[in-house]
Every structure is written in structure tokens, then in C-alpha cells.
């Protein structure tokens, strides 16, 4: 159910379960990994590789618009007015951001615009980062010393009815009173991400509406954090006292901070009509076929989200294929 604005009984959600179980690590199916040094270590490794080939990375340089010249993408314009010309542009932004906000209206065919507009991109997942003074002392398996119960994924999802109730509230515009959740204590397997004797824990909980039917978003953000601390304290009585700091991202925060439309972490919902050959939209791969010279390389393309690198891999192969086929007017 991660990332799905739906009930577990909604037709199509079984695909999301299959998708998340289809991972493989060192020959072990359904297995996930934690990046040593935190998720920033992944982008740092990408940056080092890119720079080793002479690439330049510019930060704090928001793209305002794609350049569109002679019926093809020809570069980007930054918010400050700087222009960068290029034979191709790869966009890791979600399809709606790229094609409806950054691309000039005349560059997107009406059929494509209509299909992209219709994509379901509303997120209902929330992320809470916790800094802890000690490890949780779980009632089910007591102990504050590092042990197997602190490693791997920890779930709060006792039944389908429980998950169904969480969605029933949110579909009416109300934050779930008892969210289902999954969490990982990263420092339990990678001590480098926290000071000695301290810990960090990442928690995803579902569901929280993108738009509230009532109430104030800042108030409800704090209420959610308190509610999750209460729930975790039911399971580990020392949890509340162990919390040193917390950071909460609601769907609207994910959209605001990371620029992902609707706060949908997979860019578009992972439902059968929006995956495989229908991603990003039916009939298009996003690789030089929606706007000449533009390649989508983010989670909104096949096969989808999570940190797997596959969308970027596919886009890179498409660029190399087209380049070899002289699809570009090289400058």
C-alpha cells in the first residue's frame, strides 16, 4: 500500500504489493538495502562519477522553462534568466512538472497534454524522521541494546481492516487516526549516520490527505507527529522519552520541498493502468517521443519509483541508441 491513495481492497492495489516484493539483492528476492552513509551517499556517488567524466553540477539553479526551438527541446532557462543550450535534455522531474509546467504549451501535443493531465498524482504518504537518544524498548521483544528487533523493517499494519479504516478517513479529507506504518532504524545497521550512542529512525505512515476538508495544515502536522509518537510508545514504552528531535513531511511538504506534483513519491500512482507500457502514458516511453530531444528519466517512467536506478538506466540506453542512430543534429 506504500504510495497508494487507496484501500487494500481497491482493485489494482495487488500490483503495488507485487512491485514492492519484486526486488532482489545478492540473489535474495524481496530484499531491500540501506545505503551506507545515508541516501545522500547515493547521489554523492553519482556526482563523483559524473564529474570524473568532466560533468559540471550547478546547485541552487531552478529551471524555469525548457527551451523549444525548431520543433525540439534545445536546452533550459533558469529562474535567473541564464540559458543553457543542449542537443538533448533529460528530466528527472515528474511528468506533470516537466510537460505541463516546464515545457512551453506549443511543445506538447494536445493528446499528450490531456493524458498527462489525467494522471493520478496525489500522494497520501507522510515521512517522519526521528532523532533518538536510545533504541526503542519493544514490549514484544524487550531490550535497549542493539538486537535483531531493531534491524530491518518494522511494520504497524495488523490487519486489512486496520488499513482500510486508515484510507476511509483520508478519502474524506481527514488525517488517519491510526495510520499504518513502516519504519527503519538506519543507525542500527549503519552507525555512521548518528552520533555515538544515538540513533535515527525513518517512518512512513499512511494516510494523510493532500487537501484537508477542515483544519489547519500546520496544526495537523504537529498532531500527526504526536499521534505517531503515542502509537510507537504503545509498542515501546520508552519511545517518547527517547525522541530528541523530529522532522515531518506531509504530501504538501514533499511537493513544496522536492517539487514532486501532489507529493506522490512514485511521481504517478503504481496502479495497473499507470505502469508497464502505460508509463508515463499509454503509447509513449518518455524517451524522445513526447517532445523531440526530451528524455524523461525519473520515477514517472518505466518501471517506476523507489531507489532502483532503472528509469535512469532505461533513459540512458535510449539516449545512446538514438545518438548512435544520428537522431540528433550535433553541435
C-alpha atoms as a PDB file:
ATOM      1  CA  UNK A   1       0.000   0.000   0.000  1.00  0.00           C
ATOM      2  CA  UNK A   2       3.004   2.309   0.186  1.00  0.00           C
ATOM      3  CA  UNK A   3       2.387   5.329  -2.007  1.00  0.00           C
ATOM      4  CA  UNK A   4      -1.158   4.322  -2.992  1.00  0.00           C
ATOM      5  CA  UNK A   5      -4.119   6.622  -2.420  1.00  0.00           C
ATOM      6  CA  UNK A   6      -6.416   3.639  -1.996  1.00  0.00           C
ATOM      7  CA  UNK A   7      -7.766   0.934   0.264  1.00  0.00           C
ATOM      8  CA  UNK A   8      -6.126  -2.511   0.272  1.00  0.00           C
ATOM      9  CA  UNK A   9      -9.445  -3.696  -1.159  1.00  0.00           C
ATOM     10  CA  UNK A  10      -9.277  -1.271  -4.101  1.00  0.00           C
ATOM     11  CA  UNK A  11      -8.893  -3.217  -7.372  1.00  0.00           C
ATOM     12  CA  UNK A  12      -5.338  -2.896  -8.676  1.00  0.00           C
ATOM     13  CA  UNK A  13      -3.516  -2.437  -5.371  1.00  0.00           C
ATOM     14  CA  UNK A  14      -2.230  -6.014  -5.566  1.00  0.00           C
ATOM     15  CA  UNK A  15       0.147  -4.763  -8.265  1.00  0.00           C
ATOM     16  CA  UNK A  16       1.744  -2.381  -5.771  1.00  0.00           C
ATOM     17  CA  UNK A  17       2.341  -5.339  -3.453  1.00  0.00           C
ATOM     18  CA  UNK A  18       3.906  -7.301  -6.300  1.00  0.00           C
ATOM     19  CA  UNK A  19       6.066  -4.320  -7.291  1.00  0.00           C
ATOM     20  CA  UNK A  20       7.484  -3.884  -3.810  1.00  0.00           C
ATOM     21  CA  UNK A  21       8.125  -7.618  -3.455  1.00  0.00           C
ATOM     22  CA  UNK A  22       9.889  -7.904  -6.813  1.00  0.00           C
ATOM     23  CA  UNK A  23      13.189  -6.525  -5.554  1.00  0.00           C
ATOM     24  CA  UNK A  24      16.340  -8.638  -5.446  1.00  0.00           C
ATOM     25  CA  UNK A  25      19.617  -8.123  -3.619  1.00  0.00           C
ATOM     26  CA  UNK A  26      22.549 -10.503  -3.984  1.00  0.00           C
ATOM     27  CA  UNK A  27      20.232 -13.299  -5.088  1.00  0.00           C
ATOM     28  CA  UNK A  28      17.702 -12.744  -2.292  1.00  0.00           C
ATOM     29  CA  UNK A  29      14.225 -11.894  -3.582  1.00  0.00           C
ATOM     30  CA  UNK A  30      12.033  -9.354  -1.793  1.00  0.00           C
ATOM     31  CA  UNK A  31      15.129  -7.921  -0.126  1.00  0.00           C
ATOM     32  CA  UNK A  32      15.917  -4.221   0.299  1.00  0.00           C
ATOM     33  CA  UNK A  33      19.129  -2.431   1.203  1.00  0.00           C
ATOM     34  CA  UNK A  34      20.234   0.574   3.218  1.00  0.00           C
ATOM     35  CA  UNK A  35      22.904   2.782   1.658  1.00  0.00           C
ATOM     36  CA  UNK A  36      25.898   3.177   3.958  1.00  0.00           C
ATOM     37  CA  UNK A  37      26.192   6.839   4.873  1.00  0.00           C
ATOM     38  CA  UNK A  38      22.505   7.524   4.223  1.00  0.00           C
ATOM     39  CA  UNK A  39      20.641   8.209   0.992  1.00  0.00           C
ATOM     40  CA  UNK A  40      22.904  11.172   0.303  1.00  0.00           C
ATOM     41  CA  UNK A  41      25.690   8.673  -0.318  1.00  0.00           C
ATOM     42  CA  UNK A  42      23.854   7.540  -3.470  1.00  0.00           C
ATOM     43  CA  UNK A  43      23.707  10.997  -5.030  1.00  0.00           C
ATOM     44  CA  UNK A  44      27.271  11.724  -3.917  1.00  0.00           C
ATOM     45  CA  UNK A  45      28.455   8.598  -5.753  1.00  0.00           C
ATOM     46  CA  UNK A  46      26.538   9.652  -8.869  1.00  0.00           C
ATOM     47  CA  UNK A  47      28.070  13.131  -8.641  1.00  0.00           C
ATOM     48  CA  UNK A  48      31.622  11.770  -8.353  1.00  0.00           C
ATOM     49  CA  UNK A  49      31.116   9.552 -11.378  1.00  0.00           C
ATOM     50  CA  UNK A  50      29.597  12.375 -13.433  1.00  0.00           C
ATOM     51  CA  UNK A  51      32.359  14.805 -12.518  1.00  0.00           C
ATOM     52  CA  UNK A  52      35.054  12.237 -13.312  1.00  0.00           C
ATOM     53  CA  UNK A  53      33.870  12.429 -16.933  1.00  0.00           C
ATOM     54  CA  UNK A  54      34.088  16.220 -16.949  1.00  0.00           C
ATOM     55  CA  UNK A  55      30.487  16.944 -15.999  1.00  0.00           C
ATOM     56  CA  UNK A  56      29.560  20.130 -14.156  1.00  0.00           C
ATOM     57  CA  UNK A  57      26.889  20.210 -11.437  1.00  0.00           C
ATOM     58  CA  UNK A  58      25.183  23.506 -10.676  1.00  0.00           C
ATOM     59  CA  UNK A  59      23.176  23.781  -7.453  1.00  0.00           C
ATOM     60  CA  UNK A  60      20.524  26.331  -6.446  1.00  0.00           C
ATOM     61  CA  UNK A  61      19.721  26.741 -10.139  1.00  0.00           C
ATOM     62  CA  UNK A  62      15.994  26.183 -10.609  1.00  0.00           C
ATOM     63  CA  UNK A  63      14.841  25.510 -14.154  1.00  0.00           C
ATOM     64  CA  UNK A  64      12.052  27.881 -15.179  1.00  0.00           C
ATOM     65  CA  UNK A  65      11.366  26.528 -18.665  1.00  0.00           C
ATOM     66  CA  UNK A  66      12.575  24.184 -21.353  1.00  0.00           C
ATOM     67  CA  UNK A  67      13.934  25.906 -24.447  1.00  0.00           C
ATOM     68  CA  UNK A  68      11.931  24.914 -27.518  1.00  0.00           C
ATOM     69  CA  UNK A  69      13.380  25.765 -30.901  1.00  0.00           C
ATOM     70  CA  UNK A  70      12.809  24.360 -34.375  1.00  0.00           C
ATOM     71  CA  UNK A  71      10.233  21.867 -33.076  1.00  0.00           C
ATOM     72  CA  UNK A  72      12.514  20.277 -30.489  1.00  0.00           C
ATOM     73  CA  UNK A  73      13.893  20.822 -26.994  1.00  0.00           C
ATOM     74  CA  UNK A  74      17.104  22.821 -27.192  1.00  0.00           C
ATOM     75  CA  UNK A  75      18.123  23.416 -23.577  1.00  0.00           C
ATOM     76  CA  UNK A  76      16.803  25.079 -20.425  1.00  0.00           C
ATOM     77  CA  UNK A  77      16.201  28.557 -18.988  1.00  0.00           C
ATOM     78  CA  UNK A  78      16.928  29.118 -15.287  1.00  0.00           C
ATOM     79  CA  UNK A  79      14.915  31.286 -12.926  1.00  0.00           C
ATOM     80  CA  UNK A  80      17.630  33.945 -13.097  1.00  0.00           C
ATOM     81  CA  UNK A  81      17.369  34.104 -16.896  1.00  0.00           C
ATOM     82  CA  UNK A  82      20.509  32.112 -17.725  1.00  0.00           C
ATOM     83  CA  UNK A  83      20.116  29.915 -20.795  1.00  0.00           C
ATOM     84  CA  UNK A  84      21.881  26.631 -21.461  1.00  0.00           C
ATOM     85  CA  UNK A  85      21.592  25.135 -24.933  1.00  0.00           C
ATOM     86  CA  UNK A  86      21.848  21.381 -25.482  1.00  0.00           C
ATOM     87  CA  UNK A  87      21.082  18.767 -28.117  1.00  0.00           C
ATOM     88  CA  UNK A  88      19.133  16.750 -25.534  1.00  0.00           C
ATOM     89  CA  UNK A  89      17.587  17.349 -22.108  1.00  0.00           C
ATOM     90  CA  UNK A  90      16.996  14.638 -19.513  1.00  0.00           C
ATOM     91  CA  UNK A  91      14.376  15.459 -16.881  1.00  0.00           C
ATOM     92  CA  UNK A  92      14.163  13.607 -13.586  1.00  0.00           C
ATOM     93  CA  UNK A  93      11.149  15.710 -12.595  1.00  0.00           C
ATOM     94  CA  UNK A  94       7.720  14.069 -12.636  1.00  0.00           C
ATOM     95  CA  UNK A  95       5.788  14.013 -15.938  1.00  0.00           C
ATOM     96  CA  UNK A  96       3.339  16.733 -14.905  1.00  0.00           C
ATOM     97  CA  UNK A  97       6.095  19.098 -13.785  1.00  0.00           C
ATOM     98  CA  UNK A  98       8.090  18.505 -16.954  1.00  0.00           C
ATOM     99  CA  UNK A  99       5.341  18.561 -19.564  1.00  0.00           C
ATOM    100  CA  UNK A 100       2.709  20.841 -18.033  1.00  0.00           C
ATOM    101  CA  UNK A 101       4.867  23.352 -16.149  1.00  0.00           C
ATOM    102  CA  UNK A 102       8.348  23.464 -17.713  1.00  0.00           C
ATOM    103  CA  UNK A 103       7.543  22.728 -21.356  1.00  0.00           C
ATOM    104  CA  UNK A 104       6.100  25.582 -23.437  1.00  0.00           C
ATOM    105  CA  UNK A 105       2.463  24.974 -24.326  1.00  0.00           C
ATOM    106  CA  UNK A 106       3.193  24.795 -28.050  1.00  0.00           C
ATOM    107  CA  UNK A 107       5.719  21.994 -27.493  1.00  0.00           C
ATOM    108  CA  UNK A 108       3.193  19.488 -26.102  1.00  0.00           C
ATOM    109  CA  UNK A 109       0.646  17.909 -28.438  1.00  0.00           C
ATOM    110  CA  UNK A 110      -2.970  18.202 -27.191  1.00  0.00           C
ATOM    111  CA  UNK A 111      -3.326  14.394 -26.954  1.00  0.00           C
ATOM    112  CA  UNK A 112      -0.232  14.144 -24.771  1.00  0.00           C
ATOM    113  CA  UNK A 113      -1.251  17.101 -22.625  1.00  0.00           C
ATOM    114  CA  UNK A 114      -4.677  15.578 -21.971  1.00  0.00           C
ATOM    115  CA  UNK A 115      -3.234  12.192 -20.958  1.00  0.00           C
ATOM    116  CA  UNK A 116      -0.591  13.723 -18.678  1.00  0.00           C
ATOM    117  CA  UNK A 117      -3.192  15.975 -17.067  1.00  0.00           C
ATOM    118  CA  UNK A 118      -5.326  12.906 -16.306  1.00  0.00           C
ATOM    119  CA  UNK A 119      -2.524  11.057 -14.472  1.00  0.00           C
ATOM    120  CA  UNK A 120      -3.293  10.326 -10.823  1.00  0.00           C
ATOM    121  CA  UNK A 121      -0.528  12.033  -8.863  1.00  0.00           C
ATOM    122  CA  UNK A 122      -1.954  12.646  -5.388  1.00  0.00           C
ATOM    123  CA  UNK A 123       0.195  11.324  -2.573  1.00  0.00           C
ATOM    124  CA  UNK A 124      -1.110  10.338   0.845  1.00  0.00           C
ATOM    125  CA  UNK A 125       2.099   9.144   2.484  1.00  0.00           C
ATOM    126  CA  UNK A 126       3.912  11.063   5.230  1.00  0.00           C
ATOM    127  CA  UNK A 127       7.514  10.779   6.320  1.00  0.00           C
ATOM    128  CA  UNK A 128       8.753  11.446   9.834  1.00  0.00           C
ATOM    129  CA  UNK A 129      12.458  11.447  10.664  1.00  0.00           C
ATOM    130  CA  UNK A 130      13.268  10.873  14.326  1.00  0.00           C
ATOM    131  CA  UNK A 131      16.496  11.514  16.233  1.00  0.00           C
ATOM    132  CA  UNK A 132      16.556   9.170  19.240  1.00  0.00           C
ATOM    133  CA  UNK A 133      18.566   9.154  22.430  1.00  0.00           C
ATOM    134  CA  UNK A 134      18.262   5.381  22.702  1.00  0.00           C
ATOM    135  CA  UNK A 135      16.831   2.419  20.836  1.00  0.00           C
ATOM    136  CA  UNK A 136      13.146   1.529  21.280  1.00  0.00           C
ATOM    137  CA  UNK A 137      12.481  -0.997  24.059  1.00  0.00           C
ATOM    138  CA  UNK A 138       9.700  -3.032  22.438  1.00  0.00           C
ATOM    139  CA  UNK A 139       7.128  -4.738  24.645  1.00  0.00           C
ATOM    140  CA  UNK A 140       7.069  -7.704  22.283  1.00  0.00           C
ATOM    141  CA  UNK A 141      10.832  -8.197  22.486  1.00  0.00           C
ATOM    142  CA  UNK A 142      12.348  -6.092  25.290  1.00  0.00           C
ATOM    143  CA  UNK A 143      15.840  -4.680  25.280  1.00  0.00           C
ATOM    144  CA  UNK A 144      17.513  -1.352  24.538  1.00  0.00           C
ATOM    145  CA  UNK A 145      20.799  -2.928  23.475  1.00  0.00           C
ATOM    146  CA  UNK A 146      21.155  -3.369  19.729  1.00  0.00           C
ATOM    147  CA  UNK A 147      19.489  -6.633  18.706  1.00  0.00           C
ATOM    148  CA  UNK A 148      17.708  -8.178  15.674  1.00  0.00           C
ATOM    149  CA  UNK A 149      14.370  -6.490  16.509  1.00  0.00           C
ATOM    150  CA  UNK A 150      15.996  -3.126  15.770  1.00  0.00           C
ATOM    151  CA  UNK A 151      17.205  -4.136  12.307  1.00  0.00           C
ATOM    152  CA  UNK A 152      15.257  -4.462   9.080  1.00  0.00           C
ATOM    153  CA  UNK A 153      11.739  -3.167   8.509  1.00  0.00           C
ATOM    154  CA  UNK A 154       9.248  -2.683  11.343  1.00  0.00           C
ATOM    155  CA  UNK A 155       5.573  -2.560  10.396  1.00  0.00           C
ATOM    156  CA  UNK A 156       2.359  -1.371  12.046  1.00  0.00           C
ATOM    157  CA  UNK A 157      -0.298  -2.992   9.871  1.00  0.00           C
ATOM    158  CA  UNK A 158      -2.150  -5.562  11.979  1.00  0.00           C
ATOM    159  CA  UNK A 159      -4.998  -6.285   9.546  1.00  0.00           C
ATOM    160  CA  UNK A 160      -6.618  -5.339   6.255  1.00  0.00           C
ATOM    161  CA  UNK A 161      -9.475  -3.759   8.208  1.00  0.00           C
ATOM    162  CA  UNK A 162      -6.974  -1.558  10.034  1.00  0.00           C
ATOM    163  CA  UNK A 163      -5.501  -0.378   6.726  1.00  0.00           C
ATOM    164  CA  UNK A 164      -8.978   0.049   5.241  1.00  0.00           C
ATOM    165  CA  UNK A 165     -10.034   2.355   8.080  1.00  0.00           C
ATOM    166  CA  UNK A 166      -6.918   4.484   7.556  1.00  0.00           C
ATOM    167  CA  UNK A 167      -7.912   5.078   3.927  1.00  0.00           C
ATOM    168  CA  UNK A 168     -11.624   5.574   4.743  1.00  0.00           C
ATOM    169  CA  UNK A 169     -10.797   8.628   6.840  1.00  0.00           C
ATOM    170  CA  UNK A 170      -8.360  10.114   4.352  1.00  0.00           C
ATOM    171  CA  UNK A 171     -10.615   9.727   1.326  1.00  0.00           C
ATOM    172  CA  UNK A 172     -12.978  12.061   3.199  1.00  0.00           C
ATOM    173  CA  UNK A 173     -10.221  14.621   3.680  1.00  0.00           C
ATOM    174  CA  UNK A 174      -9.346  13.653   7.261  1.00  0.00           C
ATOM    175  CA  UNK A 175      -5.940  12.538   8.568  1.00  0.00           C
ATOM    176  CA  UNK A 176      -5.961   8.900   9.586  1.00  0.00           C
ATOM    177  CA  UNK A 177      -6.468   8.496  13.329  1.00  0.00           C
ATOM    178  CA  UNK A 178      -4.459   5.217  13.310  1.00  0.00           C
ATOM    179  CA  UNK A 179      -2.120   5.249  10.308  1.00  0.00           C
ATOM    180  CA  UNK A 180      -0.491   2.066   9.136  1.00  0.00           C
ATOM    181  CA  UNK A 181       3.248   2.492   9.067  1.00  0.00           C
ATOM    182  CA  UNK A 182       6.623   1.114   8.174  1.00  0.00           C
ATOM    183  CA  UNK A 183       9.890   2.227   9.706  1.00  0.00           C
ATOM    184  CA  UNK A 184      13.607   1.582   9.640  1.00  0.00           C
ATOM    185  CA  UNK A 185      16.187   2.425  12.305  1.00  0.00           C
ATOM    186  CA  UNK A 186      19.035   3.253   9.914  1.00  0.00           C
ATOM    187  CA  UNK A 187      21.661   3.639  12.650  1.00  0.00           C
ATOM    188  CA  UNK A 188      21.053   0.069  13.803  1.00  0.00           C
ATOM    189  CA  UNK A 189      22.792  -1.199  10.678  1.00  0.00           C
ATOM    190  CA  UNK A 190      24.852   1.890   9.805  1.00  0.00           C
ATOM    191  CA  UNK A 191      26.245   3.645  12.899  1.00  0.00           C
ATOM    192  CA  UNK A 192      27.844   6.343  10.723  1.00  0.00           C
ATOM    193  CA  UNK A 193      24.515   8.204  10.320  1.00  0.00           C
ATOM    194  CA  UNK A 194      24.190   9.137  14.028  1.00  0.00           C
ATOM    195  CA  UNK A 195      26.492  10.266  16.878  1.00  0.00           C
ATOM    196  CA  UNK A 196      27.840   7.526  19.127  1.00  0.00           C
ATOM    197  CA  UNK A 197      25.111   6.212  21.401  1.00  0.00           C
ATOM    198  CA  UNK A 198      22.340   7.998  19.430  1.00  0.00           C
ATOM    199  CA  UNK A 199      20.059   6.759  16.678  1.00  0.00           C
ATOM    200  CA  UNK A 200      17.971   7.896  13.716  1.00  0.00           C
ATOM    201  CA  UNK A 201      14.721   6.328  12.574  1.00  0.00           C
ATOM    202  CA  UNK A 202      12.729   6.910   9.393  1.00  0.00           C
ATOM    203  CA  UNK A 203       8.974   6.304   9.484  1.00  0.00           C
ATOM    204  CA  UNK A 204       6.464   6.295   6.622  1.00  0.00           C
ATOM    205  CA  UNK A 205       2.801   6.449   7.615  1.00  0.00           C
ATOM    206  CA  UNK A 206      -0.428   6.367   5.637  1.00  0.00           C
ATOM    207  CA  UNK A 207      -2.734   8.095   5.021  1.00  0.00           C
ATOM    208  CA  UNK A 208      -2.800  11.890   5.190  1.00  0.00           C
ATOM    209  CA  UNK A 209      -4.891  13.881   2.681  1.00  0.00           C
ATOM    210  CA  UNK A 210      -3.220  16.184   0.202  1.00  0.00           C
ATOM    211  CA  UNK A 211      -6.045  18.632   0.915  1.00  0.00           C
ATOM    212  CA  UNK A 212      -7.747  18.809   4.318  1.00  0.00           C
ATOM    213  CA  UNK A 213     -11.510  19.075   4.434  1.00  0.00           C
ATOM    214  CA  UNK A 214     -11.134  21.040   7.657  1.00  0.00           C
ATOM    215  CA  UNK A 215      -8.446  22.304  10.000  1.00  0.00           C
ATOM    216  CA  UNK A 216      -5.028  23.897   9.576  1.00  0.00           C
ATOM    217  CA  UNK A 217      -2.164  22.051   7.894  1.00  0.00           C
ATOM    218  CA  UNK A 218       0.469  23.208  10.408  1.00  0.00           C
ATOM    219  CA  UNK A 219      -1.696  22.161  13.353  1.00  0.00           C
ATOM    220  CA  UNK A 220      -2.464  18.790  11.799  1.00  0.00           C
ATOM    221  CA  UNK A 221       1.232  18.228  11.014  1.00  0.00           C
ATOM    222  CA  UNK A 222       2.035  18.514  14.729  1.00  0.00           C
ATOM    223  CA  UNK A 223      -0.951  16.382  15.689  1.00  0.00           C
ATOM    224  CA  UNK A 224       0.222  13.655  13.344  1.00  0.00           C
ATOM    225  CA  UNK A 225       3.702  13.670  14.867  1.00  0.00           C
ATOM    226  CA  UNK A 226       2.250  13.429  18.370  1.00  0.00           C
ATOM    227  CA  UNK A 227      -0.153  10.692  17.296  1.00  0.00           C
ATOM    228  CA  UNK A 228       2.651   8.608  15.821  1.00  0.00           C
ATOM    229  CA  UNK A 229       4.797   9.077  18.930  1.00  0.00           C
ATOM    230  CA  UNK A 230       1.847   7.922  21.042  1.00  0.00           C
ATOM    231  CA  UNK A 231       1.364   4.848  18.837  1.00  0.00           C
ATOM    232  CA  UNK A 232       5.045   3.953  18.974  1.00  0.00           C
ATOM    233  CA  UNK A 233       5.079   4.450  22.732  1.00  0.00           C
ATOM    234  CA  UNK A 234       2.295   1.868  22.982  1.00  0.00           C
ATOM    235  CA  UNK A 235       4.711  -0.593  21.365  1.00  0.00           C
ATOM    236  CA  UNK A 236       7.910   0.658  23.054  1.00  0.00           C
ATOM    237  CA  UNK A 237       7.209   2.463  26.375  1.00  0.00           C
ATOM    238  CA  UNK A 238      10.495   4.384  26.281  1.00  0.00           C
ATOM    239  CA  UNK A 239       9.917   5.851  22.833  1.00  0.00           C
ATOM    240  CA  UNK A 240       8.507   9.273  23.743  1.00  0.00           C
ATOM    241  CA  UNK A 241      11.292   9.945  26.214  1.00  0.00           C
ATOM    242  CA  UNK A 242      13.859   8.819  23.613  1.00  0.00           C
ATOM    243  CA  UNK A 243      12.781  11.367  20.973  1.00  0.00           C
ATOM    244  CA  UNK A 244      15.335  14.177  20.712  1.00  0.00           C
ATOM    245  CA  UNK A 245      14.011  15.761  17.517  1.00  0.00           C
ATOM    246  CA  UNK A 246      11.579  15.081  14.687  1.00  0.00           C
ATOM    247  CA  UNK A 247      11.005  16.258  11.134  1.00  0.00           C
ATOM    248  CA  UNK A 248       7.632  15.791   9.419  1.00  0.00           C
ATOM    249  CA  UNK A 249       6.884  15.781   5.682  1.00  0.00           C
ATOM    250  CA  UNK A 250       3.227  15.700   4.653  1.00  0.00           C
ATOM    251  CA  UNK A 251       2.292  15.274   0.968  1.00  0.00           C
ATOM    252  CA  UNK A 252       2.113  19.063   0.576  1.00  0.00           C
ATOM    253  CA  UNK A 253       5.596  19.341   2.140  1.00  0.00           C
ATOM    254  CA  UNK A 254       7.018  16.735  -0.246  1.00  0.00           C
ATOM    255  CA  UNK A 255       5.593  18.749  -3.138  1.00  0.00           C
ATOM    256  CA  UNK A 256       6.913  22.061  -1.784  1.00  0.00           C
ATOM    257  CA  UNK A 257      10.402  20.891  -0.804  1.00  0.00           C
ATOM    258  CA  UNK A 258      11.139  18.384  -3.559  1.00  0.00           C
ATOM    259  CA  UNK A 259       8.933  19.685  -6.377  1.00  0.00           C
ATOM    260  CA  UNK A 260       7.021  16.415  -6.801  1.00  0.00           C
ATOM    261  CA  UNK A 261       3.486  17.064  -8.035  1.00  0.00           C
ATOM    262  CA  UNK A 262       0.918  16.111  -5.400  1.00  0.00           C
ATOM    263  CA  UNK A 263       3.605  14.761  -3.082  1.00  0.00           C
ATOM    264  CA  UNK A 264       3.267  11.416  -4.882  1.00  0.00           C
ATOM    265  CA  UNK A 265       6.613   9.746  -4.168  1.00  0.00           C
ATOM    266  CA  UNK A 266       6.371   7.494  -7.245  1.00  0.00           C
ATOM    267  CA  UNK A 267       5.537  10.547  -9.448  1.00  0.00           C
ATOM    268  CA  UNK A 268       2.360   8.753 -10.586  1.00  0.00           C
ATOM    269  CA  UNK A 269       0.423   6.035  -8.768  1.00  0.00           C
ATOM    270  CA  UNK A 270       1.707   2.482  -9.182  1.00  0.00           C
ATOM    271  CA  UNK A 271      -1.619   1.087 -10.354  1.00  0.00           C
ATOM    272  CA  UNK A 272      -2.124  -1.259 -13.345  1.00  0.00           C
ATOM    273  CA  UNK A 273      -3.373   1.452 -15.708  1.00  0.00           C
ATOM    274  CA  UNK A 274      -0.296   3.604 -14.971  1.00  0.00           C
ATOM    275  CA  UNK A 275       2.535   1.079 -15.113  1.00  0.00           C
ATOM    276  CA  UNK A 276       4.477  -1.063 -17.621  1.00  0.00           C
ATOM    277  CA  UNK A 277       3.626   0.034 -21.194  1.00  0.00           C
ATOM    278  CA  UNK A 278       1.281   2.722 -19.819  1.00  0.00           C
ATOM    279  CA  UNK A 279       4.082   4.609 -18.055  1.00  0.00           C
ATOM    280  CA  UNK A 280       4.329   7.559 -18.286  1.00  0.00           C
ATOM    281  CA  UNK A 281       1.237   7.487 -20.526  1.00  0.00           C
ATOM    282  CA  UNK A 282      -0.114   4.874 -22.957  1.00  0.00           C
ATOM    283  CA  UNK A 283       1.791   4.812 -26.222  1.00  0.00           C
ATOM    284  CA  UNK A 284       4.791   6.813 -25.018  1.00  0.00           C
ATOM    285  CA  UNK A 285       8.021   5.878 -23.257  1.00  0.00           C
ATOM    286  CA  UNK A 286       9.022   9.471 -22.496  1.00  0.00           C
ATOM    287  CA  UNK A 287      12.266   8.934 -24.434  1.00  0.00           C
ATOM    288  CA  UNK A 288      12.428  11.380 -27.342  1.00  0.00           C
ATOM    289  CA  UNK A 289       8.823  10.644 -28.313  1.00  0.00           C
ATOM    290  CA  UNK A 290       6.757  13.213 -26.374  1.00  0.00           C
ATOM    291  CA  UNK A 291       8.900  16.177 -27.386  1.00  0.00           C
ATOM    292  CA  UNK A 292      11.891  15.608 -29.680  1.00  0.00           C
ATOM    293  CA  UNK A 293      15.127  15.911 -27.718  1.00  0.00           C
ATOM    294  CA  UNK A 294      13.466  15.383 -24.303  1.00  0.00           C
ATOM    295  CA  UNK A 295      14.055  12.238 -22.241  1.00  0.00           C
ATOM    296  CA  UNK A 296      12.159  11.595 -19.002  1.00  0.00           C
ATOM    297  CA  UNK A 297      14.349   9.617 -16.625  1.00  0.00           C
ATOM    298  CA  UNK A 298      12.509   9.736 -13.292  1.00  0.00           C
ATOM    299  CA  UNK A 299      10.090   7.548 -11.361  1.00  0.00           C
ATOM    300  CA  UNK A 300       7.216   8.535 -13.659  1.00  0.00           C
ATOM    301  CA  UNK A 301       8.705   6.333 -16.393  1.00  0.00           C
ATOM    302  CA  UNK A 302       9.006   2.551 -16.583  1.00  0.00           C
ATOM    303  CA  UNK A 303       9.369   0.677 -14.274  1.00  0.00           C
ATOM    304  CA  UNK A 304       8.608   3.227 -11.543  1.00  0.00           C
ATOM    305  CA  UNK A 305       9.729   4.606  -8.220  1.00  0.00           C
ATOM    306  CA  UNK A 306      11.789   3.572  -5.220  1.00  0.00           C
ATOM    307  CA  UNK A 307      15.564   3.931  -5.423  1.00  0.00           C
ATOM    308  CA  UNK A 308      16.349   1.352  -8.087  1.00  0.00           C
ATOM    309  CA  UNK A 309      18.037   3.359 -10.840  1.00  0.00           C
ATOM    310  CA  UNK A 310      16.061   1.561 -13.548  1.00  0.00           C
ATOM    311  CA  UNK A 311      14.260   4.612 -15.034  1.00  0.00           C
ATOM    312  CA  UNK A 312      17.580   6.433 -15.436  1.00  0.00           C
ATOM    313  CA  UNK A 313      19.218   3.309 -16.849  1.00  0.00           C
ATOM    314  CA  UNK A 314      16.465   2.977 -19.444  1.00  0.00           C
ATOM    315  CA  UNK A 315      16.706   6.641 -20.400  1.00  0.00           C
ATOM    316  CA  UNK A 316      20.499   6.443 -20.751  1.00  0.00           C
ATOM    317  CA  UNK A 317      20.194   3.445 -23.058  1.00  0.00           C
ATOM    318  CA  UNK A 318      17.614   5.292 -25.154  1.00  0.00           C
ATOM    319  CA  UNK A 319      19.908   8.331 -25.460  1.00  0.00           C
ATOM    320  CA  UNK A 320      22.852   6.165 -26.541  1.00  0.00           C
ATOM    321  CA  UNK A 321      20.667   4.281 -29.018  1.00  0.00           C
ATOM    322  CA  UNK A 322      19.325   7.467 -30.596  1.00  0.00           C
ATOM    323  CA  UNK A 323      22.728   9.113 -30.594  1.00  0.00           C
ATOM    324  CA  UNK A 324      24.214   6.149 -32.419  1.00  0.00           C
ATOM    325  CA  UNK A 325      21.346   6.358 -34.892  1.00  0.00           C
ATOM    326  CA  UNK A 326      22.148  10.016 -35.620  1.00  0.00           C
ATOM    327  CA  UNK A 327      18.796  11.218 -34.292  1.00  0.00           C
ATOM    328  CA  UNK A 328      20.378  14.480 -33.171  1.00  0.00           C
ATOM    329  CA  UNK A 329      21.751  17.456 -35.018  1.00  0.00           C
ATOM    330  CA  UNK A 330      25.012  17.540 -33.099  1.00  0.00           C
ATOM    331  CA  UNK A 331      26.509  20.896 -32.230  1.00  0.00           C
END
